[in-house]
Amino acid sequence: MIIIAAKWMPCKTALLKDKSAAPTANLLLVNLVFLAILLAVVGFNYRYALNFVRGPKDISTQDLLAVQNPEDRPQFFVKVNGDKLLATGFQHVEQKVDESTNKVESETVKYDYKALRVGSRLLLVKAPGAATATAYSGALQKDSESADVISQLEQSTPELKGVFLPFVLDTMDYRDGGYWALGIGIPVLLLVLWNVKKWLTRTADRSAHPVIKKLRSYGEPEQLSFEIENEIAQAPSSIGAALITRSWVFAPNYFGLKMARLADVVWIYKKVTKHSYNFIPTGKTYAALLWSRSGENVEIAMKQNKVDEIIQAVGQRAPWIIAGFNNDIQALWNSNRAALFQAVDECKAKLSGAQASAHA
């Protein structure tokens, strides 16, 4: 929920290069962090990634029977050809349970445990219940559930003891995780490469930086830079991270620099945002909103007292700007901005005339 501080006041109806340097560096730093995270994820899961890319490889009966631990094999995503498929009577069932009553609401059989005869041994296989084939592709794995199934089969049928291979072939959705990773990783990688390209462009050509492009909308950047540097040399107001000169407001953020020319600003007010979680208030945040004739706004988020200082500093430099919020101003802004601009221009002319008379 957003609440606007309501208040109506009479008649208030080379540095740039430094400012842009940190956001440009931040752009590179953040994207290098994302790239490092992607590489780390691939690195920690390199065996899975390698098997995912290679796909399942044929494994001979001799090689399969020689396997003791699939973790020792670089290639564990395999194709197995057996002699006969046997039912074990065991299934993997997932239940949906009501947390308040512990009542089982539904059950879903995800897969069956089958026994595939391979040579003189049996290989436990996670496969669909209707499966009857003797050739399967999947991942050779060790897990506690399959070990428990083998143990129960050996207890119920003692002659099976030592017949089962000490691992399972998981044929169920082995590649799903890889497809999910590609679906997330590829867009992130493309975004990183795009942002690194932007960083290279901005580093090689200062005129390509968004700060310079924004300045160009006000006039010639080089001339404006010179004028701004002169104003900064004349003791501007520094409020938090914001800098307010005679004619400008600057507020750096992590990736750029917000700016507004006071000659174009017509309206400023304080925005108060209430935050809550499950209808329980958790705090408020504050921001100064500066609206320009173009319809654009600059929002500067700070502590409440700093926001008040910004509004006061802007009012001292441009007292014709409308300060505060009420529904009448909002209605004019939405439906008749020309009238709002005219009121600001008349107020500015009146104040300028009064100052001229005072100096006469």
Protein backbone atom coordinates (compact mmCIF):
# COMPACT_ATOMS: atom_id res chain seq x y z
CA MET A 1 0.00 0.00 0.00
CA ILE A 2 1.28 3.46 -0.91
CA ILE A 3 0.39 6.62 1.00
CA ILE A 4 1.38 10.04 -0.29
CA ALA A 5 2.20 12.77 2.20
CA ALA A 6 -0.56 15.34 1.54
CA LYS A 7 0.48 18.96 1.68
CA TRP A 8 -0.17 22.04 -0.49
CA MET A 9 2.09 25.06 -0.27
CA PRO A 10 1.15 28.50 -1.69
CA CYS A 11 2.71 29.04 -5.15
CA LYS A 12 4.30 25.61 -5.02
CA THR A 13 1.23 24.50 -7.06
CA ALA A 14 34.31 15.43 -15.69
CA LEU A 15 32.18 14.83 -12.51
CA LEU A 16 29.55 13.03 -14.53
CA LYS A 17 32.22 10.66 -15.70
CA ASP A 18 33.08 9.94 -12.06
CA LYS A 19 29.41 9.44 -11.22
CA SER A 20 28.95 6.97 -14.05
CA ALA A 21 32.18 5.07 -13.45
CA ALA A 22 30.97 3.15 -10.38
CA PRO A 23 27.68 1.98 -11.96
CA THR A 24 29.60 0.87 -15.05
CA ALA A 25 32.01 -1.11 -12.88
CA ASN A 26 29.05 -2.52 -10.93
CA LEU A 27 27.50 -3.74 -14.18
CA LEU A 28 30.64 -5.75 -14.93
CA LEU A 29 31.06 -6.97 -11.34
CA VAL A 30 27.48 -8.23 -10.96
CA ASN A 31 27.56 -10.07 -14.27
CA LEU A 32 30.93 -11.64 -13.50
CA VAL A 33 29.39 -12.90 -10.25
CA PHE A 34 26.50 -14.45 -12.23
CA LEU A 35 28.99 -16.02 -14.62
CA ALA A 36 31.02 -17.40 -11.70
CA ILE A 37 27.83 -18.89 -10.20
CA LEU A 38 26.96 -20.59 -13.50
CA LEU A 39 30.47 -22.03 -13.79
CA ALA A 40 30.38 -23.17 -10.16
CA VAL A 41 27.05 -24.97 -10.70
CA VAL A 42 28.46 -26.73 -13.75
CA GLY A 43 31.68 -27.51 -11.87
CA PHE A 44 29.91 -29.06 -8.88
CA ASN A 45 27.76 -31.15 -11.23
CA TYR A 46 30.35 -31.87 -13.90
CA ARG A 47 29.72 -35.66 -13.95
CA TYR A 48 26.01 -35.12 -14.49
CA ALA A 49 26.66 -32.40 -17.07
CA LEU A 50 29.14 -34.61 -18.92
CA ASN A 51 26.73 -37.55 -19.00
CA PHE A 52 23.82 -35.28 -19.97
CA VAL A 53 25.74 -33.94 -22.98
CA ARG A 54 27.11 -37.31 -24.06
CA GLY A 55 23.81 -39.15 -23.68
CA PRO A 56 23.46 -42.81 -22.71
CA LYS A 57 26.26 -45.13 -23.85
CA ASP A 58 26.01 -48.89 -24.41
CA ILE A 59 27.52 -50.96 -21.62
CA SER A 60 28.35 -54.61 -22.13
CA THR A 61 27.13 -57.29 -19.78
CA GLN A 62 30.72 -57.99 -18.73
CA ASP A 63 31.39 -54.35 -17.88
CA LEU A 64 28.07 -53.99 -16.06
CA LEU A 65 28.72 -57.05 -13.87
CA ALA A 66 32.17 -55.66 -13.01
CA VAL A 67 30.75 -52.42 -11.61
CA GLN A 68 30.84 -52.18 -7.82
CA ASN A 69 30.15 -48.48 -7.37
CA PRO A 70 28.65 -46.33 -10.18
CA GLU A 71 30.29 -43.26 -8.61
CA ASP A 72 33.64 -44.64 -9.76
CA ARG A 73 32.54 -44.54 -13.41
CA PRO A 74 32.82 -41.28 -15.39
CA GLN A 75 30.02 -42.55 -17.67
CA PHE A 76 27.09 -43.71 -15.54
CA PHE A 77 24.34 -42.79 -18.01
CA VAL A 78 24.11 -46.11 -19.90
CA LYS A 79 22.10 -48.40 -22.15
CA VAL A 80 21.57 -51.86 -20.68
CA ASN A 81 20.40 -54.91 -22.64
CA GLY A 82 19.07 -57.70 -20.44
CA ASP A 83 17.60 -61.14 -20.96
CA LYS A 84 14.33 -61.02 -19.04
CA LEU A 85 12.29 -58.50 -17.00
CA LEU A 86 10.71 -59.67 -13.74
CA ALA A 87 8.20 -57.97 -11.45
CA THR A 88 9.27 -57.47 -7.82
CA GLY A 89 5.98 -56.24 -6.35
CA PHE A 90 7.61 -53.07 -5.07
CA GLN A 91 6.52 -49.59 -6.15
CA HIS A 92 7.48 -46.02 -5.35
CA VAL A 93 4.29 -44.31 -4.16
CA GLU A 94 3.95 -40.62 -3.38
CA GLN A 95 1.19 -39.57 -1.00
CA LYS A 96 -0.55 -36.26 -0.50
CA VAL A 97 -1.24 -35.88 3.21
CA ASP A 98 -3.44 -33.34 5.00
CA GLU A 99 -1.07 -31.60 7.44
CA SER A 100 -3.76 -30.93 10.01
CA THR A 101 -5.24 -34.46 10.17
CA ASN A 102 -2.39 -36.56 8.71
CA LYS A 103 -5.02 -38.17 6.50
CA VAL A 104 -3.81 -39.51 3.15
CA GLU A 105 -5.79 -37.60 0.50
CA SER A 106 -4.32 -39.23 -2.60
CA GLU A 107 -1.63 -41.65 -3.75
CA THR A 108 0.35 -41.68 -6.99
CA VAL A 109 2.52 -44.53 -8.22
CA LYS A 110 5.60 -42.85 -9.70
CA TYR A 111 7.38 -46.01 -10.87
CA ASP A 112 7.77 -49.73 -10.26
CA TYR A 113 10.86 -51.63 -9.21
CA LYS A 114 11.61 -54.29 -11.81
CA ALA A 115 14.33 -56.95 -11.85
CA LEU A 116 16.23 -57.21 -15.14
CA ARG A 117 18.19 -60.42 -15.62
CA VAL A 118 21.62 -59.59 -17.04
CA GLY A 119 23.82 -62.64 -17.44
CA SER A 120 23.97 -64.43 -14.11
CA ARG A 121 22.85 -61.39 -12.05
CA LEU A 122 19.75 -59.27 -11.51
CA LEU A 123 19.70 -55.48 -11.95
CA LEU A 124 17.06 -53.52 -10.07
CA VAL A 125 15.39 -51.06 -12.45
CA LYS A 126 13.17 -48.06 -11.76
CA ALA A 127 10.71 -48.25 -14.66
CA PRO A 128 7.08 -47.48 -15.53
CA GLY A 129 4.62 -50.03 -14.23
CA ALA A 130 3.59 -51.13 -17.72
CA ALA A 131 7.20 -51.69 -18.85
CA THR A 132 7.97 -55.10 -20.34
CA ALA A 133 11.08 -54.41 -22.43
CA THR A 134 14.51 -55.87 -21.73
CA ALA A 135 16.56 -52.86 -22.95
CA TYR A 136 16.68 -49.63 -20.91
CA SER A 137 18.54 -46.33 -20.77
CA GLY A 138 19.15 -44.70 -17.43
CA ALA A 139 21.56 -43.73 -14.70
CA LEU A 140 23.40 -46.28 -12.57
CA GLN A 141 22.96 -45.08 -9.00
CA LYS A 142 23.13 -46.11 -5.37
CA ASP A 143 20.39 -44.91 -3.04
CA SER A 144 18.90 -46.01 0.26
CA GLU A 145 15.43 -46.81 -1.09
CA SER A 146 16.68 -49.25 -3.75
CA ALA A 147 19.07 -50.82 -1.21
CA ASP A 148 16.07 -51.36 1.10
CA VAL A 149 14.08 -52.98 -1.74
CA ILE A 150 16.97 -55.36 -2.48
CA SER A 151 17.30 -56.19 1.22
CA GLN A 152 13.59 -57.02 1.54
CA LEU A 153 13.67 -59.16 -1.62
CA GLU A 154 16.65 -61.11 -0.25
CA GLN A 155 14.91 -61.61 3.10
CA SER A 156 11.71 -62.87 1.49
CA THR A 157 13.58 -65.06 -1.02
CA PRO A 158 16.91 -66.18 0.51
CA GLU A 159 18.14 -67.74 -2.74
CA LEU A 160 18.30 -64.21 -4.21
CA LYS A 161 20.96 -63.15 -1.70
CA GLY A 162 23.98 -61.88 -3.63
CA VAL A 163 22.19 -62.13 -6.99
CA PHE A 164 21.25 -58.44 -7.23
CA LEU A 165 23.88 -55.96 -8.37
CA PRO A 166 24.52 -53.41 -5.58
CA PHE A 167 22.95 -50.46 -7.45
CA VAL A 168 19.86 -49.49 -9.42
CA LEU A 169 19.21 -48.31 -12.98
CA ASP A 170 17.06 -45.18 -12.85
CA THR A 171 15.19 -44.84 -16.14
CA MET A 172 12.76 -42.18 -14.91
CA ASP A 173 13.25 -38.59 -16.12
CA TYR A 174 17.00 -38.63 -15.67
CA ARG A 175 17.49 -35.64 -18.01
CA ASP A 176 14.75 -33.43 -16.55
CA GLY A 177 17.16 -31.66 -14.22
CA GLY A 178 19.49 -30.91 -17.11
CA TYR A 179 16.69 -29.47 -19.22
CA TRP A 180 15.61 -27.26 -16.32
CA ALA A 181 19.21 -26.11 -15.87
CA LEU A 182 19.49 -25.27 -19.57
CA GLY A 183 16.17 -23.44 -19.49
CA ILE A 184 17.48 -21.20 -16.70
CA GLY A 185 21.21 -21.17 -17.45
CA ILE A 186 21.11 -20.27 -21.15
CA PRO A 187 19.00 -17.08 -20.69
CA VAL A 188 21.20 -16.05 -17.74
CA LEU A 189 24.35 -16.67 -19.80
CA LEU A 190 22.96 -14.65 -22.73
CA LEU A 191 22.06 -11.83 -20.34
CA VAL A 192 25.58 -11.89 -18.87
CA LEU A 193 27.16 -11.76 -22.33
CA TRP A 194 24.83 -8.93 -23.36
CA ASN A 195 25.71 -6.89 -20.26
CA VAL A 196 29.44 -7.53 -20.69
CA LYS A 197 29.07 -6.27 -24.25
CA LYS A 198 27.36 -3.14 -22.89
CA TRP A 199 30.23 -2.68 -20.42
CA LEU A 200 32.80 -2.96 -23.21
CA THR A 201 30.87 -0.44 -25.31
CA ARG A 202 30.56 2.04 -22.44
CA THR A 203 34.22 1.64 -21.53
CA ALA A 204 35.39 2.20 -25.10
CA ASP A 205 32.94 5.00 -25.90
CA ARG A 206 31.89 7.35 -23.11
CA SER A 207 29.12 8.79 -25.29
CA ALA A 208 27.38 5.39 -25.25
CA HIS A 209 26.85 5.54 -21.48
CA PRO A 210 23.18 5.98 -20.41
CA VAL A 211 24.15 9.01 -18.30
CA ILE A 212 25.51 10.80 -21.36
CA LYS A 213 22.50 9.73 -23.42
CA LYS A 214 20.21 11.17 -20.74
CA LEU A 215 22.18 14.41 -20.72
CA ARG A 216 21.82 14.61 -24.50
CA SER A 217 18.04 14.87 -24.04
CA TYR A 218 18.69 18.19 -22.27
CA GLY A 219 21.27 19.56 -24.71
CA GLU A 220 24.90 19.16 -25.71
CA PRO A 221 26.52 16.82 -23.12
CA GLU A 222 29.93 18.47 -23.15
CA GLN A 223 28.49 21.93 -22.57
CA LEU A 224 26.12 20.67 -19.90
CA SER A 225 28.97 18.80 -18.19
CA PHE A 226 30.94 22.03 -18.03
CA GLU A 227 27.97 23.92 -16.56
CA ILE A 228 27.25 21.16 -14.03
CA GLU A 229 30.88 21.05 -12.88
CA ASN A 230 30.76 24.81 -12.34
CA GLU A 231 27.59 24.45 -10.24
CA ILE A 232 29.12 21.63 -8.22
CA ALA A 233 32.05 23.88 -7.41
CA GLN A 234 29.59 26.33 -5.81
CA ALA A 235 28.78 24.36 -2.63
CA PRO A 236 25.85 22.15 -3.67
CA SER A 237 23.67 20.32 -1.15
CA SER A 238 24.77 16.75 -0.48
CA ILE A 239 21.92 14.78 1.07
CA GLY A 240 22.72 11.12 1.52
CA ALA A 241 23.89 9.92 -1.88
CA ALA A 242 21.95 12.68 -3.65
CA LEU A 243 23.56 15.89 -4.89
CA ILE A 244 21.50 19.01 -5.51
CA THR A 245 23.06 21.94 -7.38
CA ARG A 246 21.49 25.23 -8.40
CA SER A 247 19.85 23.64 -11.46
CA TRP A 248 20.10 19.87 -11.08
CA VAL A 249 19.30 16.90 -8.85
CA PHE A 250 21.53 13.81 -9.10
CA ALA A 251 21.01 10.51 -7.33
CA PRO A 252 23.30 7.56 -8.16
CA ASN A 253 21.98 4.03 -8.01
CA TYR A 254 23.80 0.72 -8.38
CA PHE A 255 23.71 0.62 -12.17
CA GLY A 256 23.29 4.25 -13.15
CA LEU A 257 22.67 7.86 -12.24
CA LYS A 258 19.24 9.40 -11.86
CA MET A 259 19.02 13.06 -12.79
CA ALA A 260 16.44 15.82 -13.10
CA ARG A 261 16.85 19.42 -14.26
CA LEU A 262 14.96 21.71 -11.91
CA ALA A 263 13.84 23.92 -14.79
CA ASP A 264 11.81 20.95 -16.07
CA VAL A 265 10.46 19.74 -12.72
CA VAL A 266 6.88 20.83 -12.00
CA TRP A 267 5.90 18.69 -9.03
CA ILE A 268 7.65 17.08 -6.05
CA TYR A 269 6.26 15.15 -3.12
CA LYS A 270 7.09 12.50 -0.54
CA LYS A 271 5.90 8.95 -1.11
CA VAL A 272 5.39 6.73 1.92
CA THR A 273 5.06 3.00 1.32
CA LYS A 274 3.70 0.80 4.10
CA HIS A 275 4.94 -2.80 4.14
CA SER A 276 3.14 -5.71 5.74
CA TYR A 277 3.30 -9.48 5.89
CA ASN A 278 0.04 -11.37 6.33
CA PHE A 279 -1.59 -8.03 7.19
CA ILE A 280 0.96 -7.40 9.95
CA PRO A 281 2.80 -4.05 9.48
CA THR A 282 6.53 -4.52 9.04
CA GLY A 283 7.65 -0.95 8.40
CA LYS A 284 7.65 1.96 5.98
CA THR A 285 9.93 3.23 3.23
CA TYR A 286 10.17 6.78 1.92
CA ALA A 287 11.06 8.39 -1.38
CA ALA A 288 11.06 11.82 -3.00
CA LEU A 289 9.27 11.87 -6.36
CA LEU A 290 10.15 14.57 -8.88
CA TRP A 291 7.86 14.84 -11.91
CA SER A 292 9.07 16.61 -15.06
CA ARG A 293 7.16 18.22 -17.94
CA SER A 294 8.04 15.21 -20.09
CA GLY A 295 5.95 12.99 -17.82
CA GLU A 296 9.02 11.19 -16.48
CA ASN A 297 9.73 10.93 -12.79
CA VAL A 298 12.83 10.51 -10.69
CA GLU A 299 12.33 8.55 -7.47
CA ILE A 300 14.94 8.93 -4.74
CA ALA A 301 14.51 6.48 -1.88
CA MET A 302 16.04 7.47 1.48
CA LYS A 303 15.23 7.75 5.16
CA GLN A 304 12.31 10.01 5.97
CA ASN A 305 14.38 12.92 7.25
CA LYS A 306 16.61 12.80 4.16
CA VAL A 307 13.57 12.85 1.87
CA ASP A 308 12.30 15.91 3.73
CA GLU A 309 15.69 17.57 3.26
CA ILE A 310 15.64 16.87 -0.48
CA ILE A 311 12.17 18.41 -0.87
CA GLN A 312 13.28 21.44 1.16
CA ALA A 313 16.50 21.87 -0.84
CA VAL A 314 14.60 21.66 -4.14
CA GLY A 315 12.08 24.21 -2.84
CA GLN A 316 14.84 26.65 -1.92
CA ARG A 317 16.36 26.49 -5.40
CA ALA A 318 13.11 26.34 -7.37
CA PRO A 319 10.31 27.76 -5.19
CA TRP A 320 7.86 27.72 -8.11
CA ILE A 321 7.75 23.93 -8.17
CA ILE A 322 4.54 22.48 -6.73
CA ALA A 323 5.38 20.66 -3.51
CA GLY A 324 3.20 18.13 -1.75
CA PHE A 325 0.33 15.94 -2.85
CA ASN A 326 -3.43 16.10 -2.96
CA ASN A 327 -6.14 14.70 -5.20
CA ASP A 328 -6.67 18.00 -7.04
CA ILE A 329 -3.04 18.08 -8.21
CA GLN A 330 -3.22 14.43 -9.18
CA ALA A 331 -6.38 15.09 -11.21
CA LEU A 332 -4.71 17.97 -13.06
CA TRP A 333 -1.63 15.85 -13.73
CA ASN A 334 -3.78 13.05 -15.14
CA SER A 335 -6.21 15.12 -17.22
CA ASN A 336 -4.97 18.67 -17.70
CA ARG A 337 -1.22 18.99 -17.37
CA ALA A 338 -1.20 22.13 -19.48
CA ALA A 339 -3.09 23.95 -16.72
CA LEU A 340 -0.63 22.61 -14.15
CA PHE A 341 2.34 23.75 -16.24
CA GLN A 342 0.73 27.17 -16.71
CA ALA A 343 0.28 27.58 -12.97
CA VAL A 344 3.96 26.69 -12.40
CA ASP A 345 5.09 29.12 -15.16
CA GLU A 346 2.95 31.95 -13.76
CA CYS A 347 4.32 31.35 -10.28
CA LYS A 348 7.87 31.32 -11.63
CA ALA A 349 7.31 34.57 -13.54
CA LYS A 350 5.76 36.18 -10.47
CA LEU A 351 8.66 35.17 -8.25
CA SER A 352 11.20 36.32 -10.86
CA GLY A 353 9.41 39.69 -11.12
CA ALA A 354 9.42 40.09 -7.36
CA GLN A 355 13.16 39.32 -7.21
CA ALA A 356 13.87 41.80 -10.01
CA SER A 357 11.94 44.53 -8.17
CA ALA A 358 13.80 43.77 -4.97
CA HIS A 359 17.16 44.26 -6.72
CA ALA A 360 16.08 47.42 -8.55
